[in-house]
Amino acid sequence: MLVELTVNGRPRSAENVWPGESLLYVLRERLGLRGSKNACEQGECGSCSVYMDGSLVCACLVSAGQAHGTQVVTVEGLSDGDHLHPIQQAFVLEGAVQCGFCTPGLIVATHQLLAANPGPSDNEIREALAGNLCRCTGYEKIIDAVRLAALEMAVS
């Protein structure tokens, strides 16, 4: 099957896709966008979070056929060319990246949070990121990064 979609603002297509392949597999293996990570393959960890038609989804749970004709934004699509998005930069500055496996999903989820709520409380941050699991940071650095990103985005 042919899957055609717009990824990070660019029309993309993948040929000979098995209908049961996940959007995550198409993004990583067929389109070479390795930012979203494959961890649990059950929608539990959030490492593969992307936007699909403006909604945050776990790409491991979306079949390739469901993604046909959609608009997808990955963690790579948040940056502006060689310039990191303020959220990405905040994660680096606050040391919230450690092994980096959960980072793409956390950044996309943080992007969604700050778009809806530019000044979240710590409890709102925790709730918004509850679908993302991290084994390295203990979450404090991640919350610090979200706070910094919110401040930076409010100034710019």
N, C-alpha and C. Protein backbone atom coordinates (compact mmCIF):
# COMPACT_ATOMS: atom_id res chain seq x y z
N MET A 1 0.84 -1.17 0.00
CA MET A 1 0.00 0.00 0.00
C MET A 1 0.89 1.24 0.00
N LEU A 2 0.43 2.28 -0.61
CA LEU A 2 1.12 3.57 -0.64
C LEU A 2 0.56 4.44 0.47
N VAL A 3 1.44 5.01 1.28
CA VAL A 3 1.02 5.92 2.34
C VAL A 3 1.60 7.29 2.00
N GLU A 4 0.71 8.25 1.85
CA GLU A 4 1.11 9.63 1.58
C GLU A 4 0.64 10.49 2.74
N LEU A 5 1.54 11.30 3.25
CA LEU A 5 1.22 12.18 4.36
C LEU A 5 2.16 13.37 4.32
N THR A 6 1.85 14.37 5.11
CA THR A 6 2.70 15.53 5.22
C THR A 6 3.40 15.43 6.57
N VAL A 7 4.73 15.42 6.53
CA VAL A 7 5.51 15.28 7.75
C VAL A 7 6.38 16.52 7.91
N ASN A 8 6.20 17.20 9.02
CA ASN A 8 6.97 18.41 9.31
C ASN A 8 6.89 19.42 8.17
N GLY A 9 5.69 19.52 7.59
CA GLY A 9 5.43 20.50 6.55
C GLY A 9 5.81 20.08 5.14
N ARG A 10 6.34 18.87 4.97
CA ARG A 10 6.76 18.40 3.65
C ARG A 10 5.95 17.18 3.23
N PRO A 11 5.47 17.15 2.00
CA PRO A 11 4.79 15.95 1.52
C PRO A 11 5.77 14.78 1.48
N ARG A 12 5.35 13.66 2.01
CA ARG A 12 6.20 12.46 2.04
C ARG A 12 5.35 11.26 1.65
N SER A 13 5.99 10.22 1.16
CA SER A 13 5.27 9.00 0.84
C SER A 13 6.16 7.80 1.11
N ALA A 14 5.50 6.69 1.38
CA ALA A 14 6.18 5.42 1.59
C ALA A 14 5.43 4.36 0.79
N GLU A 15 6.18 3.59 0.01
CA GLU A 15 5.57 2.55 -0.83
C GLU A 15 5.70 1.18 -0.19
N ASN A 16 4.85 0.27 -0.65
CA ASN A 16 4.86 -1.12 -0.20
C ASN A 16 4.76 -1.26 1.31
N VAL A 17 3.92 -0.42 1.88
CA VAL A 17 3.70 -0.44 3.33
C VAL A 17 2.65 -1.50 3.64
N TRP A 18 2.96 -2.34 4.60
CA TRP A 18 1.98 -3.29 5.10
C TRP A 18 0.96 -2.52 5.92
N PRO A 19 -0.33 -2.69 5.70
CA PRO A 19 -1.34 -1.88 6.40
C PRO A 19 -1.23 -1.92 7.92
N GLY A 20 -0.67 -2.98 8.49
CA GLY A 20 -0.53 -3.08 9.93
C GLY A 20 0.71 -2.42 10.48
N GLU A 21 1.58 -1.90 9.62
CA GLU A 21 2.76 -1.19 10.11
C GLU A 21 2.31 0.02 10.89
N SER A 22 3.08 0.39 11.87
CA SER A 22 2.73 1.56 12.66
C SER A 22 3.27 2.83 12.01
N LEU A 23 2.64 3.93 12.36
CA LEU A 23 3.15 5.23 11.92
C LEU A 23 4.59 5.39 12.40
N LEU A 24 4.88 4.93 13.59
CA LEU A 24 6.24 5.02 14.11
C LEU A 24 7.23 4.31 13.20
N TYR A 25 6.90 3.12 12.75
CA TYR A 25 7.77 2.37 11.86
C TYR A 25 7.97 3.12 10.54
N VAL A 26 6.88 3.66 10.01
CA VAL A 26 6.98 4.43 8.76
C VAL A 26 7.90 5.64 8.95
N LEU A 27 7.71 6.37 10.04
CA LEU A 27 8.53 7.55 10.29
C LEU A 27 10.00 7.19 10.43
N ARG A 28 10.30 6.19 11.25
CA ARG A 28 11.70 5.84 11.55
C ARG A 28 12.37 5.07 10.41
N GLU A 29 11.74 4.01 9.95
CA GLU A 29 12.40 3.09 9.04
C GLU A 29 12.20 3.43 7.57
N ARG A 30 11.08 3.98 7.22
CA ARG A 30 10.82 4.28 5.81
C ARG A 30 11.16 5.72 5.44
N LEU A 31 10.98 6.64 6.40
CA LEU A 31 11.23 8.05 6.10
C LEU A 31 12.51 8.58 6.75
N GLY A 32 13.16 7.77 7.57
CA GLY A 32 14.44 8.15 8.17
C GLY A 32 14.37 9.20 9.25
N LEU A 33 13.20 9.39 9.84
CA LEU A 33 13.04 10.35 10.94
C LEU A 33 13.16 9.59 12.25
N ARG A 34 14.32 9.58 12.83
CA ARG A 34 14.63 8.73 13.97
C ARG A 34 14.40 9.41 15.32
N GLY A 35 13.86 10.62 15.32
CA GLY A 35 13.65 11.33 16.59
C GLY A 35 12.71 10.61 17.51
N SER A 36 11.55 10.23 17.03
CA SER A 36 10.59 9.49 17.85
C SER A 36 11.15 8.11 18.13
N LYS A 37 11.07 7.69 19.36
CA LYS A 37 11.70 6.43 19.77
C LYS A 37 10.69 5.29 19.90
N ASN A 38 11.19 4.08 19.66
CA ASN A 38 10.40 2.88 19.79
C ASN A 38 10.79 2.20 21.10
N ALA A 39 9.92 2.29 22.09
CA ALA A 39 10.25 1.71 23.39
C ALA A 39 9.28 0.59 23.75
N CYS A 40 8.06 0.91 24.09
CA CYS A 40 7.15 -0.11 24.62
C CYS A 40 6.25 -0.73 23.55
N GLU A 41 6.01 -0.06 22.47
CA GLU A 41 5.10 -0.49 21.40
C GLU A 41 3.68 -0.77 21.90
N GLN A 42 3.33 -0.15 23.03
CA GLN A 42 2.00 -0.34 23.60
C GLN A 42 1.33 0.97 23.99
N GLY A 43 1.94 2.10 23.66
CA GLY A 43 1.35 3.39 24.00
C GLY A 43 1.45 3.75 25.46
N GLU A 44 2.34 3.10 26.18
CA GLU A 44 2.46 3.33 27.62
C GLU A 44 3.55 4.32 28.01
N CYS A 45 4.58 4.46 27.17
CA CYS A 45 5.76 5.22 27.61
C CYS A 45 5.84 6.64 27.04
N GLY A 46 5.17 6.92 25.92
CA GLY A 46 5.18 8.25 25.34
C GLY A 46 6.41 8.60 24.52
N SER A 47 7.37 7.70 24.40
CA SER A 47 8.61 8.02 23.67
C SER A 47 8.38 8.28 22.18
N CYS A 48 7.27 7.80 21.67
CA CYS A 48 6.99 7.96 20.24
C CYS A 48 5.95 9.04 19.95
N SER A 49 5.69 9.91 20.92
CA SER A 49 4.64 10.93 20.76
C SER A 49 4.93 11.88 19.61
N VAL A 50 3.91 12.08 18.78
CA VAL A 50 3.95 13.02 17.66
C VAL A 50 2.58 13.68 17.58
N TYR A 51 2.51 14.76 16.81
CA TYR A 51 1.22 15.34 16.48
C TYR A 51 0.72 14.68 15.19
N MET A 52 -0.54 14.32 15.17
CA MET A 52 -1.19 13.88 13.94
C MET A 52 -2.45 14.71 13.80
N ASP A 53 -2.49 15.49 12.74
CA ASP A 53 -3.61 16.43 12.52
C ASP A 53 -3.89 17.25 13.77
N GLY A 54 -2.80 17.68 14.44
CA GLY A 54 -2.91 18.58 15.57
C GLY A 54 -3.13 17.93 16.92
N SER A 55 -3.34 16.62 16.95
CA SER A 55 -3.55 15.91 18.21
C SER A 55 -2.31 15.11 18.57
N LEU A 56 -2.00 15.08 19.86
CA LEU A 56 -0.88 14.29 20.34
C LEU A 56 -1.27 12.82 20.32
N VAL A 57 -0.45 11.99 19.65
CA VAL A 57 -0.71 10.55 19.58
C VAL A 57 0.58 9.78 19.83
N CYS A 58 0.41 8.55 20.25
CA CYS A 58 1.54 7.62 20.32
C CYS A 58 1.64 6.98 18.94
N ALA A 59 2.70 7.29 18.22
CA ALA A 59 2.85 6.81 16.84
C ALA A 59 2.91 5.29 16.76
N CYS A 60 3.27 4.62 17.85
CA CYS A 60 3.32 3.16 17.84
C CYS A 60 1.92 2.55 17.78
N LEU A 61 0.90 3.30 18.15
CA LEU A 61 -0.47 2.79 18.16
C LEU A 61 -1.28 3.18 16.93
N VAL A 62 -0.72 4.03 16.07
CA VAL A 62 -1.41 4.48 14.87
C VAL A 62 -0.93 3.62 13.71
N SER A 63 -1.86 2.98 13.02
CA SER A 63 -1.45 2.17 11.87
C SER A 63 -1.09 3.09 10.70
N ALA A 64 -0.23 2.60 9.85
CA ALA A 64 0.19 3.37 8.68
C ALA A 64 -1.01 3.80 7.85
N GLY A 65 -1.98 2.90 7.71
CA GLY A 65 -3.17 3.22 6.93
C GLY A 65 -3.96 4.37 7.52
N GLN A 66 -4.01 4.44 8.85
CA GLN A 66 -4.71 5.55 9.51
C GLN A 66 -4.00 6.88 9.27
N ALA A 67 -2.70 6.83 9.05
CA ALA A 67 -1.91 8.05 8.88
C ALA A 67 -1.97 8.59 7.45
N HIS A 68 -2.46 7.80 6.52
CA HIS A 68 -2.54 8.24 5.13
C HIS A 68 -3.36 9.53 5.04
N GLY A 69 -2.78 10.54 4.40
CA GLY A 69 -3.46 11.81 4.19
C GLY A 69 -3.42 12.77 5.36
N THR A 70 -2.70 12.43 6.40
CA THR A 70 -2.67 13.29 7.59
C THR A 70 -1.47 14.22 7.58
N GLN A 71 -1.50 15.16 8.53
CA GLN A 71 -0.39 16.07 8.80
C GLN A 71 0.27 15.57 10.08
N VAL A 72 1.56 15.26 10.01
CA VAL A 72 2.29 14.75 11.17
C VAL A 72 3.43 15.71 11.49
N VAL A 73 3.60 16.00 12.77
CA VAL A 73 4.74 16.80 13.23
C VAL A 73 5.47 15.97 14.26
N THR A 74 6.76 15.77 14.02
CA THR A 74 7.62 15.02 14.92
C THR A 74 8.49 16.00 15.70
N VAL A 75 9.29 15.47 16.61
CA VAL A 75 10.20 16.32 17.39
C VAL A 75 11.14 17.08 16.45
N GLU A 76 11.52 16.48 15.34
CA GLU A 76 12.39 17.16 14.38
C GLU A 76 11.70 18.40 13.78
N GLY A 77 10.39 18.33 13.65
CA GLY A 77 9.63 19.42 13.06
C GLY A 77 9.43 20.61 13.96
N LEU A 78 9.77 20.49 15.22
CA LEU A 78 9.62 21.62 16.14
C LEU A 78 10.75 22.63 16.00
N SER A 79 11.92 22.17 15.59
CA SER A 79 13.06 23.08 15.44
C SER A 79 12.90 23.91 14.18
N ASP A 80 13.66 24.98 14.12
CA ASP A 80 13.65 25.86 12.96
C ASP A 80 14.99 25.70 12.25
N GLY A 81 15.07 24.71 11.39
CA GLY A 81 16.34 24.45 10.71
C GLY A 81 17.39 24.01 11.71
N ASP A 82 18.46 24.79 11.81
CA ASP A 82 19.55 24.46 12.72
C ASP A 82 19.33 25.03 14.12
N HIS A 83 18.23 25.73 14.34
CA HIS A 83 17.95 26.36 15.63
C HIS A 83 16.92 25.55 16.41
N LEU A 84 17.31 25.14 17.60
CA LEU A 84 16.40 24.37 18.44
C LEU A 84 15.20 25.22 18.85
N HIS A 85 14.08 24.56 19.01
CA HIS A 85 12.90 25.20 19.58
C HIS A 85 13.24 25.55 21.04
N PRO A 86 12.66 26.61 21.61
CA PRO A 86 12.94 26.93 23.01
C PRO A 86 12.72 25.76 23.98
N ILE A 87 11.78 24.90 23.69
CA ILE A 87 11.56 23.73 24.56
C ILE A 87 12.75 22.78 24.45
N GLN A 88 13.19 22.52 23.24
CA GLN A 88 14.35 21.65 23.05
C GLN A 88 15.57 22.23 23.75
N GLN A 89 15.77 23.53 23.59
CA GLN A 89 16.91 24.19 24.22
C GLN A 89 16.83 24.12 25.74
N ALA A 90 15.64 24.30 26.28
CA ALA A 90 15.46 24.23 27.73
C ALA A 90 15.79 22.85 28.27
N PHE A 91 15.41 21.82 27.56
CA PHE A 91 15.74 20.46 27.99
C PHE A 91 17.25 20.26 28.03
N VAL A 92 17.96 20.81 27.05
CA VAL A 92 19.42 20.71 27.04
C VAL A 92 20.01 21.50 28.20
N LEU A 93 19.59 22.75 28.36
CA LEU A 93 20.16 23.61 29.39
C LEU A 93 19.91 23.09 30.80
N GLU A 94 18.77 22.47 31.03
CA GLU A 94 18.43 21.98 32.37
C GLU A 94 18.91 20.55 32.63
N GLY A 95 19.56 19.94 31.64
CA GLY A 95 20.06 18.58 31.84
C GLY A 95 18.95 17.55 31.90
N ALA A 96 17.87 17.82 31.20
CA ALA A 96 16.71 16.92 31.22
C ALA A 96 16.76 15.89 30.10
N VAL A 97 17.92 15.73 29.48
CA VAL A 97 18.01 14.82 28.34
C VAL A 97 18.66 13.49 28.67
N GLN A 98 19.52 13.44 29.60
CA GLN A 98 20.27 12.26 30.02
C GLN A 98 20.42 11.23 28.90
N CYS A 99 19.80 10.06 28.97
CA CYS A 99 20.02 9.07 27.92
C CYS A 99 19.34 9.50 26.62
N GLY A 100 18.30 10.30 26.72
CA GLY A 100 17.64 10.85 25.53
C GLY A 100 16.53 10.02 24.95
N PHE A 101 16.30 8.84 25.49
CA PHE A 101 15.31 7.97 24.88
C PHE A 101 13.89 8.51 25.02
N CYS A 102 13.55 9.04 26.17
CA CYS A 102 12.20 9.56 26.39
C CYS A 102 12.06 11.01 25.93
N THR A 103 13.18 11.67 25.70
CA THR A 103 13.20 13.11 25.45
C THR A 103 12.31 13.56 24.29
N PRO A 104 12.34 12.91 23.13
CA PRO A 104 11.48 13.39 22.03
C PRO A 104 10.00 13.44 22.41
N GLY A 105 9.51 12.39 23.05
CA GLY A 105 8.11 12.37 23.45
C GLY A 105 7.80 13.42 24.50
N LEU A 106 8.71 13.61 25.44
CA LEU A 106 8.51 14.64 26.46
C LEU A 106 8.49 16.03 25.84
N ILE A 107 9.35 16.27 24.87
CA ILE A 107 9.40 17.58 24.22
C ILE A 107 8.11 17.85 23.46
N VAL A 108 7.61 16.87 22.73
CA VAL A 108 6.36 17.06 21.98
C VAL A 108 5.20 17.26 22.94
N ALA A 109 5.16 16.48 24.03
CA ALA A 109 4.09 16.65 25.03
C ALA A 109 4.18 18.02 25.70
N THR A 110 5.40 18.47 25.98
CA THR A 110 5.59 19.80 26.56
C THR A 110 5.13 20.88 25.58
N HIS A 111 5.40 20.68 24.31
CA HIS A 111 4.96 21.63 23.28
C HIS A 111 3.43 21.75 23.31
N GLN A 112 2.76 20.61 23.39
CA GLN A 112 1.30 20.64 23.45
C GLN A 112 0.82 21.35 24.71
N LEU A 113 1.44 21.04 25.83
CA LEU A 113 1.07 21.68 27.10
C LEU A 113 1.21 23.19 27.01
N LEU A 114 2.38 23.67 26.58
CA LEU A 114 2.62 25.12 26.58
C LEU A 114 1.81 25.86 25.53
N ALA A 115 1.40 25.16 24.48
CA ALA A 115 0.50 25.79 23.50
C ALA A 115 -0.87 26.04 24.12
N ALA A 116 -1.30 25.13 24.98
CA ALA A 116 -2.61 25.26 25.62
C ALA A 116 -2.55 26.07 26.90
N ASN A 117 -1.41 26.01 27.59
CA ASN A 117 -1.27 26.64 28.90
C ASN A 117 0.14 27.20 29.03
N PRO A 118 0.35 28.45 28.65
CA PRO A 118 1.71 29.01 28.63
C PRO A 118 2.36 29.18 30.00
N GLY A 119 1.57 29.09 31.07
CA GLY A 119 2.13 29.25 32.42
C GLY A 119 1.65 28.17 33.37
N PRO A 120 1.97 26.91 33.09
CA PRO A 120 1.42 25.83 33.91
C PRO A 120 2.05 25.76 35.30
N SER A 121 1.26 25.30 36.25
CA SER A 121 1.77 25.02 37.59
C SER A 121 2.53 23.69 37.54
N ASP A 122 3.27 23.39 38.60
CA ASP A 122 3.99 22.12 38.65
C ASP A 122 3.02 20.94 38.55
N ASN A 123 1.89 21.03 39.18
CA ASN A 123 0.91 19.95 39.10
C ASN A 123 0.38 19.79 37.68
N GLU A 124 0.14 20.90 36.98
CA GLU A 124 -0.32 20.83 35.59
C GLU A 124 0.77 20.24 34.69
N ILE A 125 2.02 20.55 34.96
CA ILE A 125 3.13 19.96 34.20
C ILE A 125 3.14 18.45 34.42
N ARG A 126 3.08 18.04 35.66
CA ARG A 126 3.09 16.61 35.98
C ARG A 126 1.93 15.87 35.31
N GLU A 127 0.76 16.48 35.36
CA GLU A 127 -0.41 15.84 34.74
C GLU A 127 -0.24 15.74 33.23
N ALA A 128 0.24 16.81 32.60
CA ALA A 128 0.40 16.82 31.14
C ALA A 128 1.45 15.81 30.67
N LEU A 129 2.44 15.56 31.51
CA LEU A 129 3.53 14.65 31.12
C LEU A 129 3.36 13.26 31.72
N ALA A 130 2.23 12.99 32.33
CA ALA A 130 2.01 11.70 33.00
C ALA A 130 2.08 10.52 32.05
N GLY A 131 1.83 10.72 30.78
CA GLY A 131 1.88 9.64 29.80
C GLY A 131 3.27 9.36 29.27
N ASN A 132 4.27 10.03 29.81
CA ASN A 132 5.65 9.87 29.36
C ASN A 132 6.49 9.32 30.50
N LEU A 133 7.14 8.20 30.26
CA LEU A 133 7.97 7.57 31.28
C LEU A 133 9.44 7.85 31.04
N CYS A 134 10.16 8.13 32.13
CA CYS A 134 11.60 8.36 32.07
C CYS A 134 12.24 7.55 33.19
N ARG A 135 13.33 6.88 32.86
CA ARG A 135 14.00 6.07 33.87
C ARG A 135 15.29 6.72 34.37
N CYS A 136 15.70 7.82 33.78
CA CYS A 136 17.01 8.40 34.12
C CYS A 136 16.95 9.63 35.02
N THR A 137 15.99 10.52 34.79
CA THR A 137 16.11 11.85 35.38
C THR A 137 15.44 12.02 36.74
N GLY A 138 14.50 11.19 37.10
CA GLY A 138 13.75 11.45 38.33
C GLY A 138 12.75 12.57 38.15
N TYR A 139 12.58 13.06 36.96
CA TYR A 139 11.57 14.04 36.56
C TYR A 139 11.82 15.47 37.01
N GLU A 140 12.61 15.71 38.02
CA GLU A 140 12.82 17.10 38.48
C GLU A 140 13.47 17.95 37.39
N LYS A 141 14.47 17.41 36.71
CA LYS A 141 15.12 18.16 35.63
C LYS A 141 14.14 18.42 34.49
N ILE A 142 13.25 17.49 34.25
CA ILE A 142 12.25 17.66 33.19
C ILE A 142 11.30 18.79 33.57
N ILE A 143 10.83 18.80 34.81
CA ILE A 143 9.93 19.87 35.26
C ILE A 143 10.66 21.21 35.21
N ASP A 144 11.93 21.22 35.61
CA ASP A 144 12.72 22.46 35.50
C ASP A 144 12.79 22.93 34.05
N ALA A 145 12.97 22.00 33.13
CA ALA A 145 13.05 22.35 31.71
C ALA A 145 11.74 22.93 31.20
N VAL A 146 10.63 22.37 31.63
CA VAL A 146 9.32 22.88 31.21
C VAL A 146 9.12 24.29 31.76
N ARG A 147 9.49 24.50 33.01
CA ARG A 147 9.39 25.85 33.59
C ARG A 147 10.23 26.84 32.80
N LEU A 148 11.49 26.47 32.49
CA LEU A 148 12.38 27.36 31.73
C LEU A 148 11.81 27.64 30.35
N ALA A 149 11.32 26.62 29.69
CA ALA A 149 10.74 26.79 28.35
C ALA A 149 9.55 27.75 28.41
N ALA A 150 8.71 27.60 29.42
CA ALA A 150 7.55 28.49 29.56
C ALA A 150 8.00 29.93 29.71
N LEU A 151 9.04 30.15 30.53
CA LEU A 151 9.57 31.51 30.71
C LEU A 151 10.15 32.05 29.41
N GLU A 152 10.96 31.25 28.74
CA GLU A 152 11.59 31.69 27.49
C GLU A 152 10.55 32.00 26.41
N MET A 153 9.53 31.16 26.32
CA MET A 153 8.50 31.38 25.31
C MET A 153 7.64 32.59 25.64
N ALA A 154 7.47 32.90 26.91
CA ALA A 154 6.67 34.07 27.31
C ALA A 154 7.41 35.36 26.95
N VAL A 155 8.74 35.31 27.00
CA VAL A 155 9.56 36.49 26.70
C VAL A 155 9.64 36.75 25.20
N SER A 156 9.68 35.66 24.41
CA SER A 156 9.85 35.85 22.95
C SER A 156 8.55 36.01 22.21
